Amino acid sequence: PRARYRAVAGAGVVIQLDRDQIVVVNELGLELLEQLKAGATIAQLATSVSANYEVTFSRASDDIAHFIAELQAQELVSQQAES
């Protein structure tokens, strides 16, 4: 998919260029998008999230997988990061 994102006032704006769709994500969502773009895996993302927020690795991993699946469903990312 042709999608672009930008930081705007502490949040992220994701634009799906082929469908003229805009999705707003919070600061953590923007951070995850940036790390995904850099090639991070779900396990790497979950490690980072669990170290910086009061959440277990397992919960972070599940939530991140769900977040990525939602982005895929809206054609904002092309494939899920490996575990």
PDB file of N, CA and C in Angstrom:
ATOM      1  N   PRO A   1       0.825  -1.208   0.000  1.00  0.00           N
ATOM      2  CA  PRO A   1       0.000   0.000   0.000  1.00  0.00           C
ATOM      3  C   PRO A   1       0.862   1.263   0.000  1.00  0.00           C
ATOM      4  N   ARG A   2       0.310   2.282  -0.576  1.00  0.00           N
ATOM      5  CA  ARG A   2       1.010   3.566  -0.574  1.00  0.00           C
ATOM      6  C   ARG A   2       0.480   4.379   0.593  1.00  0.00           C
ATOM      7  N   ALA A   3       1.234   4.362   1.689  1.00  0.00           N
ATOM      8  CA  ALA A   3       0.830   5.095   2.883  1.00  0.00           C
ATOM      9  C   ALA A   3       2.011   5.918   3.374  1.00  0.00           C
ATOM     10  N   ARG A   4       1.709   7.053   3.923  1.00  0.00           N
ATOM     11  CA  ARG A   4       2.716   7.938   4.504  1.00  0.00           C
ATOM     12  C   ARG A   4       2.236   8.351   5.885  1.00  0.00           C
ATOM     13  N   TYR A   5       3.186   8.643   6.763  1.00  0.00           N
ATOM     14  CA  TYR A   5       2.799   9.128   8.084  1.00  0.00           C
ATOM     15  C   TYR A   5       3.681  10.298   8.486  1.00  0.00           C
ATOM     16  N   ARG A   6       3.123  11.122   9.335  1.00  0.00           N
ATOM     17  CA  ARG A   6       3.816  12.303   9.843  1.00  0.00           C
ATOM     18  C   ARG A   6       3.439  12.508  11.304  1.00  0.00           C
ATOM     19  N   ALA A   7       4.371  13.074  12.057  1.00  0.00           N
ATOM     20  CA  ALA A   7       4.096  13.463  13.438  1.00  0.00           C
ATOM     21  C   ALA A   7       3.411  14.822  13.420  1.00  0.00           C
ATOM     22  N   VAL A   8       2.331  14.921  14.168  1.00  0.00           N
ATOM     23  CA  VAL A   8       1.593  16.175  14.272  1.00  0.00           C
ATOM     24  C   VAL A   8       1.141  16.330  15.721  1.00  0.00           C
ATOM     25  N   ALA A   9       1.701  17.313  16.416  1.00  0.00           N
ATOM     26  CA  ALA A   9       1.290  17.633  17.787  1.00  0.00           C
ATOM     27  C   ALA A   9       1.261  16.409  18.704  1.00  0.00           C
ATOM     28  N   GLY A  10       2.342  15.628  18.693  1.00  0.00           N
ATOM     29  CA  GLY A  10       2.443  14.489  19.593  1.00  0.00           C
ATOM     30  C   GLY A  10       1.681  13.252  19.165  1.00  0.00           C
ATOM     31  N   ALA A  11       1.080  13.285  18.009  1.00  0.00           N
ATOM     32  CA  ALA A  11       0.353  12.123  17.488  1.00  0.00           C
ATOM     33  C   ALA A  11       0.881  11.837  16.085  1.00  0.00           C
ATOM     34  N   GLY A  12       0.353  10.796  15.482  1.00  0.00           N
ATOM     35  CA  GLY A  12       0.749  10.468  14.122  1.00  0.00           C
ATOM     36  C   GLY A  12      -0.449  10.493  13.205  1.00  0.00           C
ATOM     37  N   VAL A  13      -0.255  11.022  12.028  1.00  0.00           N
ATOM     38  CA  VAL A  13      -1.292  11.025  11.008  1.00  0.00           C
ATOM     39  C   VAL A  13      -0.807  10.107   9.892  1.00  0.00           C
ATOM     40  N   VAL A  14      -1.591   9.070   9.602  1.00  0.00           N
ATOM     41  CA  VAL A  14      -1.247   8.105   8.564  1.00  0.00           C
ATOM     42  C   VAL A  14      -2.211   8.327   7.403  1.00  0.00           C
ATOM     43  N   ILE A  15      -1.657   8.520   6.219  1.00  0.00           N
ATOM     44  CA  ILE A  15      -2.468   8.788   5.036  1.00  0.00           C
ATOM     45  C   ILE A  15      -2.300   7.632   4.055  1.00  0.00           C
ATOM     46  N   GLN A  16      -3.409   7.000   3.696  1.00  0.00           N
ATOM     47  CA  GLN A  16      -3.416   5.935   2.691  1.00  0.00           C
ATOM     48  C   GLN A  16      -3.685   6.632   1.367  1.00  0.00           C
ATOM     49  N   LEU A  17      -2.655   6.768   0.557  1.00  0.00           N
ATOM     50  CA  LEU A  17      -2.725   7.593  -0.649  1.00  0.00           C
ATOM     51  C   LEU A  17      -3.655   7.043  -1.722  1.00  0.00           C
ATOM     52  N   ASP A  18      -3.782   5.723  -1.818  1.00  0.00           N
ATOM     53  CA  ASP A  18      -4.628   5.142  -2.857  1.00  0.00           C
ATOM     54  C   ASP A  18      -6.116   5.284  -2.566  1.00  0.00           C
ATOM     55  N   ARG A  19      -6.468   5.473  -1.301  1.00  0.00           N
ATOM     56  CA  ARG A  19      -7.883   5.526  -0.930  1.00  0.00           C
ATOM     57  C   ARG A  19      -8.279   6.844  -0.274  1.00  0.00           C
ATOM     58  N   ASP A  20      -7.396   7.814  -0.267  1.00  0.00           N
ATOM     59  CA  ASP A  20      -7.679   9.103   0.377  1.00  0.00           C
ATOM     60  C   ASP A  20      -8.200   8.909   1.794  1.00  0.00           C
ATOM     61  N   GLN A  21      -7.535   8.057   2.548  1.00  0.00           N
ATOM     62  CA  GLN A  21      -7.941   7.737   3.911  1.00  0.00           C
ATOM     63  C   GLN A  21      -6.907   8.291   4.884  1.00  0.00           C
ATOM     64  N   ILE A  22      -7.392   8.846   5.995  1.00  0.00           N
ATOM     65  CA  ILE A  22      -6.511   9.369   7.030  1.00  0.00           C
ATOM     66  C   ILE A  22      -6.846   8.679   8.343  1.00  0.00           C
ATOM     67  N   VAL A  23      -5.803   8.216   9.036  1.00  0.00           N
ATOM     68  CA  VAL A  23      -5.958   7.580  10.342  1.00  0.00           C
ATOM     69  C   VAL A  23      -5.026   8.297  11.308  1.00  0.00           C
ATOM     70  N   VAL A  24      -5.514   8.597  12.493  1.00  0.00           N
ATOM     71  CA  VAL A  24      -4.701   9.238  13.518  1.00  0.00           C
ATOM     72  C   VAL A  24      -4.334   8.197  14.563  1.00  0.00           C
ATOM     73  N   VAL A  25      -3.049   8.135  14.904  1.00  0.00           N
ATOM     74  CA  VAL A  25      -2.576   7.237  15.954  1.00  0.00           C
ATOM     75  C   VAL A  25      -1.945   8.080  17.062  1.00  0.00           C
ATOM     76  N   ASN A  26      -1.918   7.520  18.271  1.00  0.00           N
ATOM     77  CA  ASN A  26      -1.321   8.255  19.381  1.00  0.00           C
ATOM     78  C   ASN A  26       0.205   8.213  19.290  1.00  0.00           C
ATOM     79  N   GLU A  27       0.857   8.808  20.277  1.00  0.00           N
ATOM     80  CA  GLU A  27       2.315   8.906  20.273  1.00  0.00           C
ATOM     81  C   GLU A  27       2.979   7.527  20.215  1.00  0.00           C
ATOM     82  N   LEU A  28       2.446   6.566  20.971  1.00  0.00           N
ATOM     83  CA  LEU A  28       3.006   5.214  20.944  1.00  0.00           C
ATOM     84  C   LEU A  28       2.794   4.568  19.575  1.00  0.00           C
ATOM     85  N   GLY A  29       1.621   4.763  18.988  1.00  0.00           N
ATOM     86  CA  GLY A  29       1.363   4.231  17.653  1.00  0.00           C
ATOM     87  C   GLY A  29       2.350   4.773  16.636  1.00  0.00           C
ATOM     88  N   LEU A  30       2.662   6.055  16.747  1.00  0.00           N
ATOM     89  CA  LEU A  30       3.640   6.671  15.847  1.00  0.00           C
ATOM     90  C   LEU A  30       5.018   6.058  16.061  1.00  0.00           C
ATOM     91  N   GLU A  31       5.391   5.867  17.322  1.00  0.00           N
ATOM     92  CA  GLU A  31       6.675   5.243  17.640  1.00  0.00           C
ATOM     93  C   GLU A  31       6.754   3.829  17.052  1.00  0.00           C
ATOM     94  N   LEU A  32       5.669   3.072  17.187  1.00  0.00           N
ATOM     95  CA  LEU A  32       5.637   1.716  16.635  1.00  0.00           C
ATOM     96  C   LEU A  32       5.773   1.741  15.115  1.00  0.00           C
ATOM     97  N   LEU A  33       5.083   2.658  14.459  1.00  0.00           N
ATOM     98  CA  LEU A  33       5.189   2.779  13.000  1.00  0.00           C
ATOM     99  C   LEU A  33       6.625   3.067  12.572  1.00  0.00           C
ATOM    100  N   GLU A  34       7.282   3.959  13.296  1.00  0.00           N
ATOM    101  CA  GLU A  34       8.661   4.305  12.955  1.00  0.00           C
ATOM    102  C   GLU A  34       9.580   3.099  13.121  1.00  0.00           C
ATOM    103  N   GLN A  35       9.372   2.338  14.212  1.00  0.00           N
ATOM    104  CA  GLN A  35      10.201   1.160  14.443  1.00  0.00           C
ATOM    105  C   GLN A  35       9.896   0.056  13.427  1.00  0.00           C
ATOM    106  N   LEU A  36       8.625  -0.102  13.053  1.00  0.00           N
ATOM    107  CA  LEU A  36       8.270  -1.078  12.015  1.00  0.00           C
ATOM    108  C   LEU A  36       8.948  -0.730  10.696  1.00  0.00           C
ATOM    109  N   LYS A  37       8.939   0.544  10.363  1.00  0.00           N
ATOM    110  CA  LYS A  37       9.570   0.986   9.118  1.00  0.00           C
ATOM    111  C   LYS A  37      11.064   0.672   9.123  1.00  0.00           C
ATOM    112  N   ALA A  38      11.666   0.719  10.311  1.00  0.00           N
ATOM    113  CA  ALA A  38      13.092   0.422  10.451  1.00  0.00           C
ATOM    114  C   ALA A  38      13.371  -1.079  10.490  1.00  0.00           C
ATOM    115  N   GLY A  39      12.303  -1.901  10.452  1.00  0.00           N
ATOM    116  CA  GLY A  39      12.482  -3.346  10.394  1.00  0.00           C
ATOM    117  C   GLY A  39      12.338  -4.086  11.707  1.00  0.00           C
ATOM    118  N   ALA A  40      11.827  -3.434  12.739  1.00  0.00           N
ATOM    119  CA  ALA A  40      11.668  -4.080  14.042  1.00  0.00           C
ATOM    120  C   ALA A  40      10.644  -5.211  13.975  1.00  0.00           C
ATOM    121  N   THR A  41      10.878  -6.244  14.766  1.00  0.00           N
ATOM    122  CA  THR A  41       9.934  -7.356  14.876  1.00  0.00           C
ATOM    123  C   THR A  41       8.946  -7.069  16.002  1.00  0.00           C
ATOM    124  N   ILE A  42       7.879  -7.856  16.067  1.00  0.00           N
ATOM    125  CA  ILE A  42       6.921  -7.713  17.165  1.00  0.00           C
ATOM    126  C   ILE A  42       7.626  -7.925  18.497  1.00  0.00           C
ATOM    127  N   ALA A  43       8.506  -8.908  18.573  1.00  0.00           N
ATOM    128  CA  ALA A  43       9.233  -9.175  19.821  1.00  0.00           C
ATOM    129  C   ALA A  43      10.084  -7.972  20.227  1.00  0.00           C
ATOM    130  N   GLN A  44      10.749  -7.350  19.275  1.00  0.00           N
ATOM    131  CA  GLN A  44      11.551  -6.166  19.586  1.00  0.00           C
ATOM    132  C   GLN A  44      10.670  -5.010  20.043  1.00  0.00           C
ATOM    133  N   LEU A  45       9.546  -4.827  19.374  1.00  0.00           N
ATOM    134  CA  LEU A  45       8.616  -3.769  19.768  1.00  0.00           C
ATOM    135  C   LEU A  45       8.072  -4.028  21.164  1.00  0.00           C
ATOM    136  N   ALA A  46       7.686  -5.272  21.439  1.00  0.00           N
ATOM    137  CA  ALA A  46       7.126  -5.621  22.745  1.00  0.00           C
ATOM    138  C   ALA A  46       8.159  -5.443  23.851  1.00  0.00           C
ATOM    139  N   THR A  47       9.400  -5.764  23.569  1.00  0.00           N
ATOM    140  CA  THR A  47      10.468  -5.559  24.552  1.00  0.00           C
ATOM    141  C   THR A  47      10.597  -4.082  24.889  1.00  0.00           C
ATOM    142  N   SER A  48      10.588  -3.246  23.878  1.00  0.00           N
ATOM    143  CA  SER A  48      10.686  -1.802  24.081  1.00  0.00           C
ATOM    144  C   SER A  48       9.491  -1.258  24.855  1.00  0.00           C
ATOM    145  N   VAL A  49       8.296  -1.668  24.455  1.00  0.00           N
ATOM    146  CA  VAL A  49       7.079  -1.177  25.114  1.00  0.00           C
ATOM    147  C   VAL A  49       7.031  -1.639  26.568  1.00  0.00           C
ATOM    148  N   SER A  50       7.345  -2.908  26.828  1.00  0.00           N
ATOM    149  CA  SER A  50       7.273  -3.414  28.202  1.00  0.00           C
ATOM    150  C   SER A  50       8.342  -2.784  29.091  1.00  0.00           C
ATOM    151  N   ALA A  51       9.455  -2.352  28.510  1.00  0.00           N
ATOM    152  CA  ALA A  51      10.501  -1.685  29.286  1.00  0.00           C
ATOM    153  C   ALA A  51      10.134  -0.241  29.618  1.00  0.00           C
ATOM    154  N   ASN A  52       9.336   0.382  28.772  1.00  0.00           N
ATOM    155  CA  ASN A  52       9.025   1.806  28.945  1.00  0.00           C
ATOM    156  C   ASN A  52       7.643   2.100  29.512  1.00  0.00           C
ATOM    157  N   TYR A  53       6.782   1.106  29.550  1.00  0.00           N
ATOM    158  CA  TYR A  53       5.418   1.287  30.049  1.00  0.00           C
ATOM    159  C   TYR A  53       5.107   0.162  31.030  1.00  0.00           C
ATOM    160  N   GLU A  54       4.140   0.351  31.869  1.00  0.00           N
ATOM    161  CA  GLU A  54       3.768  -0.658  32.857  1.00  0.00           C
ATOM    162  C   GLU A  54       2.874  -1.713  32.226  1.00  0.00           C
ATOM    163  N   VAL A  55       3.490  -2.584  31.436  1.00  0.00           N
ATOM    164  CA  VAL A  55       2.766  -3.643  30.743  1.00  0.00           C
ATOM    165  C   VAL A  55       3.718  -4.829  30.576  1.00  0.00           C
ATOM    166  N   THR A  56       3.176  -6.034  30.650  1.00  0.00           N
ATOM    167  CA  THR A  56       4.010  -7.222  30.476  1.00  0.00           C
ATOM    168  C   THR A  56       4.398  -7.391  29.011  1.00  0.00           C
ATOM    169  N   PHE A  57       5.447  -8.157  28.792  1.00  0.00           N
ATOM    170  CA  PHE A  57       5.878  -8.454  27.429  1.00  0.00           C
ATOM    171  C   PHE A  57       4.754  -9.128  26.654  1.00  0.00           C
ATOM    172  N   SER A  58       4.085 -10.095  27.292  1.00  0.00           N
ATOM    173  CA  SER A  58       3.006 -10.843  26.635  1.00  0.00           C
ATOM    174  C   SER A  58       1.871  -9.920  26.204  1.00  0.00           C
ATOM    175  N   ARG A  59       1.459  -9.039  27.100  1.00  0.00           N
ATOM    176  CA  ARG A  59       0.373  -8.102  26.787  1.00  0.00           C
ATOM    177  C   ARG A  59       0.795  -7.141  25.681  1.00  0.00           C
ATOM    178  N   ALA A  60       2.027  -6.636  25.780  1.00  0.00           N
ATOM    179  CA  ALA A  60       2.529  -5.718  24.753  1.00  0.00           C
ATOM    180  C   ALA A  60       2.566  -6.411  23.397  1.00  0.00           C
ATOM    181  N   SER A  61       3.037  -7.647  23.377  1.00  0.00           N
ATOM    182  CA  SER A  61       3.115  -8.410  22.130  1.00  0.00           C
ATOM    183  C   SER A  61       1.734  -8.603  21.511  1.00  0.00           C
ATOM    184  N   ASP A  62       0.756  -8.984  22.341  1.00  0.00           N
ATOM    185  CA  ASP A  62      -0.612  -9.173  21.846  1.00  0.00           C
ATOM    186  C   ASP A  62      -1.196  -7.866  21.312  1.00  0.00           C
ATOM    187  N   ASP A  63      -1.013  -6.784  22.072  1.00  0.00           N
ATOM    188  CA  ASP A  63      -1.559  -5.485  21.661  1.00  0.00           C
ATOM    189  C   ASP A  63      -0.912  -4.985  20.369  1.00  0.00           C
ATOM    190  N   ILE A  64       0.387  -5.189  20.242  1.00  0.00           N
ATOM    191  CA  ILE A  64       1.093  -4.752  19.038  1.00  0.00           C
ATOM    192  C   ILE A  64       0.640  -5.559  17.829  1.00  0.00           C
ATOM    193  N   ALA A  65       0.479  -6.866  18.005  1.00  0.00           N
ATOM    194  CA  ALA A  65      -0.010  -7.708  16.902  1.00  0.00           C
ATOM    195  C   ALA A  65      -1.398  -7.247  16.462  1.00  0.00           C
ATOM    196  N   HIS A  66      -2.248  -6.887  17.422  1.00  0.00           N
ATOM    197  CA  HIS A  66      -3.593  -6.393  17.106  1.00  0.00           C
ATOM    198  C   HIS A  66      -3.504  -5.049  16.366  1.00  0.00           C
ATOM    199  N   PHE A  67      -2.639  -4.160  16.829  1.00  0.00           N
ATOM    200  CA  PHE A  67      -2.444  -2.857  16.193  1.00  0.00           C
ATOM    201  C   PHE A  67      -2.007  -3.034  14.737  1.00  0.00           C
ATOM    202  N   ILE A  68      -1.049  -3.924  14.519  1.00  0.00           N
ATOM    203  CA  ILE A  68      -0.561  -4.176  13.161  1.00  0.00           C
ATOM    204  C   ILE A  68      -1.663  -4.771  12.293  1.00  0.00           C
ATOM    205  N   ALA A  69      -2.443  -5.695  12.853  1.00  0.00           N
ATOM    206  CA  ALA A  69      -3.551  -6.301  12.098  1.00  0.00           C
ATOM    207  C   ALA A  69      -4.571  -5.244  11.687  1.00  0.00           C
ATOM    208  N   GLU A  70      -4.853  -4.288  12.575  1.00  0.00           N
ATOM    209  CA  GLU A  70      -5.781  -3.199  12.237  1.00  0.00           C
ATOM    210  C   GLU A  70      -5.219  -2.347  11.100  1.00  0.00           C
ATOM    211  N   LEU A  71      -3.935  -2.059  11.158  1.00  0.00           N
ATOM    212  CA  LEU A  71      -3.310  -1.280  10.087  1.00  0.00           C
ATOM    213  C   LEU A  71      -3.354  -2.033   8.764  1.00  0.00           C
ATOM    214  N   GLN A  72      -3.131  -3.343   8.824  1.00  0.00           N
ATOM    215  CA  GLN A  72      -3.206  -4.165   7.609  1.00  0.00           C
ATOM    216  C   GLN A  72      -4.619  -4.158   7.036  1.00  0.00           C
ATOM    217  N   ALA A  73      -5.617  -4.279   7.897  1.00  0.00           N
ATOM    218  CA  ALA A  73      -7.010  -4.307   7.445  1.00  0.00           C
ATOM    219  C   ALA A  73      -7.381  -3.014   6.724  1.00  0.00           C
ATOM    220  N   GLN A  74      -6.752  -1.916   7.123  1.00  0.00           N
ATOM    221  CA  GLN A  74      -7.015  -0.627   6.487  1.00  0.00           C
ATOM    222  C   GLN A  74      -6.010  -0.333   5.369  1.00  0.00           C
ATOM    223  N   GLU A  75      -5.203  -1.348   5.043  1.00  0.00           N
ATOM    224  CA  GLU A  75      -4.196  -1.242   3.988  1.00  0.00           C
ATOM    225  C   GLU A  75      -3.208  -0.108   4.230  1.00  0.00           C
ATOM    226  N   LEU A  76      -2.790   0.026   5.498  1.00  0.00           N
ATOM    227  CA  LEU A  76      -1.821   1.055   5.856  1.00  0.00           C
ATOM    228  C   LEU A  76      -0.415   0.488   6.014  1.00  0.00           C
ATOM    229  N   VAL A  77      -0.312  -0.807   6.217  1.00  0.00           N
ATOM    230  CA  VAL A  77       0.973  -1.511   6.200  1.00  0.00           C
ATOM    231  C   VAL A  77       0.788  -2.759   5.359  1.00  0.00           C
ATOM    232  N   SER A  78       1.873  -3.234   4.756  1.00  0.00           N
ATOM    233  CA  SER A  78       1.736  -4.330   3.804  1.00  0.00           C
ATOM    234  C   SER A  78       1.800  -5.710   4.424  1.00  0.00           C
ATOM    235  N   GLN A  79       2.600  -5.896   5.465  1.00  0.00           N
ATOM    236  CA  GLN A  79       2.667  -7.217   6.070  1.00  0.00           C
ATOM    237  C   GLN A  79       3.012  -7.094   7.536  1.00  0.00           C
ATOM    238  N   GLN A  80       2.668  -8.117   8.276  1.00  0.00           N
ATOM    239  CA  GLN A  80       2.907  -8.104   9.710  1.00  0.00           C
ATOM    240  C   GLN A  80       4.372  -8.385   9.984  1.00  0.00           C
ATOM    241  N   ALA A  81       4.897  -7.706  10.993  1.00  0.00           N
ATOM    242  CA  ALA A  81       6.271  -7.960  11.410  1.00  0.00           C
ATOM    243  C   ALA A  81       6.379  -9.371  11.969  1.00  0.00           C
ATOM    244  N   GLU A  82       7.529  -9.970  11.780  1.00  0.00           N
ATOM    245  CA  GLU A  82       7.752 -11.313  12.314  1.00  0.00           C
ATOM    246  C   GLU A  82       7.811 -11.243  13.835  1.00  0.00           C
ATOM    247  N   SER A  83       7.471 -12.328  14.474  1.00  0.00           N
ATOM    248  CA  SER A  83       7.542 -12.394  15.946  1.00  0.00           C
ATOM    249  C   SER A  83       8.930 -12.363  16.403  1.00  0.00           C
TER     250      SER A  83
END
